[in-house]
């Protein structure tokens, strides 16, 4: 189970979105994330760019944005979505 409340509370909806858009739900669940109570950004970390995350300013591309608005989820794909999440 994820530490991210949005993913825990809305997992079925996120899985359906991934299925409808031919995205890999396993990657969505396993990739690094940045979140709070209203959003979650799914990120891709390239290990060739180093370790240490934000502590060492290692970039992690945002590959999918999920925002909770008025008790429903809104999804936004980025220029990196297909490259890293497509089936």
N, C-alpha and C. Protein backbone atom coordinates (compact mmCIF):
# COMPACT_ATOMS: atom_id res chain seq x y z
N UNK A 1 0.84 -1.18 0.00
CA UNK A 1 0.00 0.00 0.00
C UNK A 1 0.89 1.25 0.00
N UNK A 2 0.49 2.21 -0.79
CA UNK A 2 1.24 3.45 -0.93
C UNK A 2 1.02 4.35 0.29
N UNK A 3 1.95 5.23 0.53
CA UNK A 3 1.78 6.24 1.58
C UNK A 3 0.89 7.38 1.08
N UNK A 4 0.68 7.46 -0.22
CA UNK A 4 -0.08 8.53 -0.84
C UNK A 4 -1.59 8.27 -0.70
N UNK A 5 -2.28 9.15 0.02
CA UNK A 5 -3.71 8.98 0.29
C UNK A 5 -4.54 8.98 -0.99
N UNK A 6 -4.23 9.83 -1.94
CA UNK A 6 -5.00 9.87 -3.19
C UNK A 6 -4.93 8.51 -3.89
N UNK A 7 -3.75 7.94 -3.97
CA UNK A 7 -3.61 6.63 -4.62
C UNK A 7 -4.35 5.56 -3.83
N UNK A 8 -4.23 5.56 -2.53
CA UNK A 8 -4.92 4.57 -1.71
C UNK A 8 -6.44 4.70 -1.83
N UNK A 9 -6.95 5.92 -1.78
CA UNK A 9 -8.39 6.14 -1.78
C UNK A 9 -9.03 6.00 -3.16
N UNK A 10 -8.25 6.18 -4.23
CA UNK A 10 -8.81 6.21 -5.58
C UNK A 10 -8.13 5.23 -6.52
N UNK A 11 -7.59 4.17 -5.97
CA UNK A 11 -6.82 3.24 -6.79
C UNK A 11 -7.62 2.67 -7.97
N UNK A 12 -8.86 2.29 -7.75
CA UNK A 12 -9.68 1.72 -8.84
C UNK A 12 -9.86 2.72 -9.97
N UNK A 13 -10.08 3.98 -9.64
CA UNK A 13 -10.24 5.02 -10.66
C UNK A 13 -8.93 5.25 -11.43
N UNK A 14 -7.82 5.22 -10.72
CA UNK A 14 -6.51 5.39 -11.36
C UNK A 14 -6.22 4.20 -12.27
N UNK A 15 -6.54 2.99 -11.82
CA UNK A 15 -6.34 1.80 -12.65
C UNK A 15 -7.19 1.88 -13.91
N UNK A 16 -8.44 2.34 -13.80
CA UNK A 16 -9.30 2.47 -14.97
C UNK A 16 -8.74 3.49 -15.95
N UNK A 17 -8.26 4.63 -15.43
CA UNK A 17 -7.66 5.64 -16.30
C UNK A 17 -6.48 5.06 -17.05
N UNK A 18 -5.64 4.33 -16.36
CA UNK A 18 -4.47 3.72 -17.00
C UNK A 18 -4.91 2.73 -18.07
N UNK A 19 -5.88 1.89 -17.76
CA UNK A 19 -6.36 0.91 -18.73
C UNK A 19 -6.95 1.62 -19.96
N UNK A 20 -7.78 2.63 -19.74
CA UNK A 20 -8.42 3.36 -20.85
C UNK A 20 -7.41 4.08 -21.73
N UNK A 21 -6.27 4.47 -21.15
CA UNK A 21 -5.26 5.24 -21.88
C UNK A 21 -4.01 4.44 -22.19
N UNK A 22 -4.08 3.12 -22.00
CA UNK A 22 -2.98 2.20 -22.29
C UNK A 22 -1.69 2.62 -21.59
N UNK A 23 -1.82 2.89 -20.28
CA UNK A 23 -0.67 3.22 -19.45
C UNK A 23 -0.44 2.08 -18.47
N UNK A 24 0.81 1.89 -18.09
CA UNK A 24 1.20 0.79 -17.21
C UNK A 24 0.94 1.15 -15.75
N UNK A 25 -0.11 0.57 -15.17
CA UNK A 25 -0.47 0.87 -13.79
C UNK A 25 0.64 0.45 -12.82
N UNK A 26 1.37 -0.60 -13.13
CA UNK A 26 2.45 -1.05 -12.24
C UNK A 26 3.55 0.01 -12.15
N UNK A 27 3.83 0.67 -13.27
CA UNK A 27 4.82 1.75 -13.23
C UNK A 27 4.27 2.95 -12.46
N UNK A 28 2.99 3.28 -12.68
CA UNK A 28 2.38 4.39 -11.96
C UNK A 28 2.50 4.17 -10.45
N UNK A 29 2.26 2.95 -10.02
CA UNK A 29 2.32 2.66 -8.59
C UNK A 29 3.74 2.58 -8.04
N UNK A 30 4.70 2.20 -8.89
CA UNK A 30 6.06 1.99 -8.39
C UNK A 30 7.00 3.19 -8.60
N UNK A 31 6.68 4.07 -9.53
CA UNK A 31 7.56 5.22 -9.79
C UNK A 31 7.55 6.18 -8.59
N UNK A 32 8.60 6.98 -8.45
CA UNK A 32 8.62 8.00 -7.39
C UNK A 32 7.45 8.96 -7.54
N UNK A 33 7.03 9.54 -6.41
CA UNK A 33 5.88 10.44 -6.40
C UNK A 33 6.16 11.65 -5.53
N UNK A 34 5.52 12.75 -5.90
CA UNK A 34 5.45 13.93 -5.04
C UNK A 34 3.96 14.19 -4.84
N UNK A 35 3.53 14.40 -3.58
CA UNK A 35 2.09 14.56 -3.36
C UNK A 35 1.79 15.38 -2.12
N UNK A 36 0.52 15.80 -2.08
CA UNK A 36 -0.08 16.32 -0.86
C UNK A 36 -1.53 15.84 -0.87
N UNK A 37 -2.43 16.49 -0.17
CA UNK A 37 -3.82 16.02 -0.10
C UNK A 37 -4.62 16.28 -1.37
N UNK A 38 -4.13 17.15 -2.25
CA UNK A 38 -4.90 17.55 -3.43
C UNK A 38 -4.30 17.08 -4.75
N UNK A 39 -3.07 16.61 -4.76
CA UNK A 39 -2.45 16.19 -6.02
C UNK A 39 -1.41 15.12 -5.77
N UNK A 40 -1.08 14.44 -6.86
CA UNK A 40 0.07 13.53 -6.87
C UNK A 40 0.72 13.64 -8.24
N UNK A 41 2.02 13.82 -8.26
CA UNK A 41 2.79 13.83 -9.50
C UNK A 41 3.57 12.52 -9.55
N UNK A 42 3.36 11.74 -10.60
CA UNK A 42 4.12 10.52 -10.82
C UNK A 42 5.37 10.94 -11.59
N UNK A 43 6.54 10.48 -11.15
CA UNK A 43 7.80 10.92 -11.74
C UNK A 43 8.61 9.72 -12.25
N UNK A 44 9.50 10.02 -13.17
CA UNK A 44 10.45 9.01 -13.64
C UNK A 44 11.84 9.47 -13.25
N UNK A 45 12.56 8.60 -12.57
CA UNK A 45 13.94 8.91 -12.19
C UNK A 45 14.89 8.10 -13.07
N UNK A 46 15.81 8.78 -13.70
CA UNK A 46 16.81 8.12 -14.53
C UNK A 46 18.04 7.86 -13.67
N UNK A 47 18.30 6.59 -13.33
CA UNK A 47 19.44 6.29 -12.45
C UNK A 47 20.78 6.73 -13.02
N UNK A 48 20.86 6.91 -14.33
CA UNK A 48 22.12 7.37 -14.94
C UNK A 48 22.43 8.82 -14.58
N UNK A 49 21.41 9.54 -14.12
CA UNK A 49 21.62 10.94 -13.75
C UNK A 49 22.01 11.08 -12.28
N UNK A 50 22.18 9.95 -11.60
CA UNK A 50 22.67 10.00 -10.23
C UNK A 50 21.64 9.60 -9.21
N UNK A 51 22.08 9.55 -7.98
CA UNK A 51 21.23 9.20 -6.84
C UNK A 51 21.13 10.40 -5.92
N UNK A 52 20.23 10.35 -4.99
CA UNK A 52 20.14 11.41 -3.99
C UNK A 52 18.92 12.30 -4.15
N UNK A 53 18.18 12.15 -5.24
CA UNK A 53 16.95 12.91 -5.41
C UNK A 53 17.13 14.40 -5.23
N UNK A 54 16.19 15.02 -4.52
CA UNK A 54 16.23 16.47 -4.32
C UNK A 54 17.45 16.92 -3.53
N UNK A 55 17.97 16.05 -2.67
CA UNK A 55 19.14 16.45 -1.88
C UNK A 55 20.32 16.81 -2.77
N UNK A 56 20.43 16.13 -3.91
CA UNK A 56 21.54 16.39 -4.82
C UNK A 56 21.05 16.96 -6.15
N UNK A 57 19.81 17.48 -6.15
CA UNK A 57 19.21 18.11 -7.32
C UNK A 57 19.21 17.19 -8.54
N UNK A 58 18.91 15.93 -8.33
CA UNK A 58 18.80 14.97 -9.42
C UNK A 58 17.40 15.12 -10.02
N UNK A 59 17.30 15.41 -11.32
CA UNK A 59 15.98 15.63 -11.92
C UNK A 59 15.16 14.35 -12.02
N UNK A 60 13.86 14.49 -11.86
CA UNK A 60 12.92 13.40 -12.04
C UNK A 60 11.74 13.96 -12.83
N UNK A 61 11.61 13.54 -14.08
CA UNK A 61 10.57 14.07 -14.96
C UNK A 61 9.18 13.70 -14.44
N UNK A 62 8.26 14.65 -14.47
CA UNK A 62 6.87 14.37 -14.14
C UNK A 62 6.24 13.69 -15.35
N UNK A 63 5.68 12.49 -15.13
CA UNK A 63 5.13 11.72 -16.25
C UNK A 63 3.60 11.66 -16.21
N UNK A 64 3.00 11.98 -15.06
CA UNK A 64 1.54 12.02 -14.96
C UNK A 64 1.16 12.86 -13.75
N UNK A 65 0.18 13.76 -13.97
CA UNK A 65 -0.33 14.59 -12.88
C UNK A 65 -1.75 14.14 -12.57
N UNK A 66 -2.02 13.96 -11.29
CA UNK A 66 -3.36 13.58 -10.83
C UNK A 66 -3.75 14.60 -9.77
N UNK A 67 -4.87 15.28 -10.00
CA UNK A 67 -5.31 16.30 -9.05
C UNK A 67 -6.74 16.00 -8.60
N UNK A 68 -6.97 16.16 -7.32
CA UNK A 68 -8.31 15.95 -6.75
C UNK A 68 -9.00 17.31 -6.68
N UNK A 69 -10.10 17.43 -7.44
CA UNK A 69 -10.88 18.67 -7.46
C UNK A 69 -12.35 18.32 -7.25
N UNK A 70 -12.96 18.96 -6.29
CA UNK A 70 -14.38 18.75 -6.01
C UNK A 70 -14.69 17.26 -5.85
N UNK A 71 -13.83 16.58 -5.14
CA UNK A 71 -13.96 15.16 -4.80
C UNK A 71 -13.93 14.22 -6.01
N UNK A 72 -13.31 14.66 -7.10
CA UNK A 72 -13.08 13.78 -8.25
C UNK A 72 -11.67 14.01 -8.76
N UNK A 73 -11.14 13.01 -9.46
CA UNK A 73 -9.77 13.11 -9.97
C UNK A 73 -9.74 13.67 -11.37
N UNK A 74 -8.75 14.51 -11.63
CA UNK A 74 -8.45 15.00 -12.97
C UNK A 74 -7.03 14.57 -13.29
N UNK A 75 -6.85 14.02 -14.48
CA UNK A 75 -5.56 13.51 -14.92
C UNK A 75 -5.01 14.41 -16.00
N UNK A 76 -3.70 14.61 -15.97
CA UNK A 76 -3.03 15.38 -17.01
C UNK A 76 -1.75 14.65 -17.41
N UNK A 77 -1.67 14.32 -18.68
CA UNK A 77 -0.45 13.70 -19.18
C UNK A 77 0.55 14.80 -19.53
N UNK A 78 1.82 14.44 -19.51
CA UNK A 78 2.88 15.39 -19.85
C UNK A 78 3.60 14.90 -21.11
N UNK A 79 4.57 15.65 -21.53
CA UNK A 79 5.36 15.25 -22.70
C UNK A 79 6.14 13.97 -22.45
N UNK A 80 6.24 13.54 -21.20
CA UNK A 80 6.98 12.33 -20.84
C UNK A 80 6.09 11.10 -20.62
N UNK A 81 4.78 11.28 -20.63
CA UNK A 81 3.86 10.19 -20.28
C UNK A 81 4.05 8.98 -21.17
N UNK A 82 3.95 9.14 -22.44
CA UNK A 82 4.04 8.00 -23.37
C UNK A 82 5.41 7.33 -23.32
N UNK A 83 6.43 8.15 -23.19
CA UNK A 83 7.80 7.61 -23.18
C UNK A 83 8.02 6.63 -22.02
N UNK A 84 7.47 6.96 -20.84
CA UNK A 84 7.77 6.16 -19.67
C UNK A 84 6.63 5.28 -19.16
N UNK A 85 5.38 5.56 -19.56
CA UNK A 85 4.26 4.82 -19.01
C UNK A 85 3.47 3.99 -20.02
N UNK A 86 3.69 4.20 -21.31
CA UNK A 86 2.89 3.48 -22.31
C UNK A 86 3.13 1.99 -22.25
N UNK A 87 2.05 1.25 -22.50
CA UNK A 87 2.17 -0.22 -22.56
C UNK A 87 2.82 -0.63 -23.85
